[in-house]
């Protein structure tokens, strides 16, 4: 019979995660939605240990002290933040229907720092207003709870390509099917503290957009030999880059 590793035994506990506006030492009163979920849905009682996290990446363990009309958590120490993690932004055209929701959820699970919906020349979906933004922010927060990542992925507003490129400050890749595009392996040597990934619509980038990328010194990168849907390309690219950055981030 195989012996279980220590974390597989009866003493291993996965703490319930609670999102709060700001993690701090002291007593924190949960907002009504989180309080309802902890008290009435999960039925967590006073004395239970939980994990708190906020949008900025702070994480702490706390103990629930009150579960009446309000739910209060007492925090004594805050976990230190890792300083060498890659800050990754995915700027992508928006796919149709619930494919966009799925993309946001998976990018959040992977640990992407920010998602920026792009308005490119061949974009079909151009989400404006607050309803879609608020929905995606909720999806990102729930995915952060499930995946136990630090922080919550920020959701940007619909952005034209030029200002999105200018935010990248030359630290960016645009995904291309052109024959001369770099492989991810060769482009990874240029990864520093931050990186922007640009994913075009299913109709592809226009010649003018490619010229704009090149004029701003962004790197053309090939992902696969096939034509991918927007959400597939965004998730695959983010997963590969974040996996590779574990090694890149430890370099002196």
Foldseek 3Di string as FASTA:
>chain_A
DDDDPPCPDPPNDDFQEAEDADDDAFKDWHDPVRLCCVCPVVNDDFQGKHWYAYQVFKIFIWTWHDNDPIIMTGTHDIDDDDDLAAAEEEEEAADDDCLNLVLLLLCLLLPHQEYEHEDAPPRDDADDDCPVQVVSQVSQVVSCSVNVGGHGHHYHHYDYDVVVLVVQQLQEEEEDLDPPAAECVVVLVSGHRYYYYYYYALVDHDPVSVVSCVVSNHGYYYDDNDRDHGSVVRSSVSNVNNVVVVVVSPDD
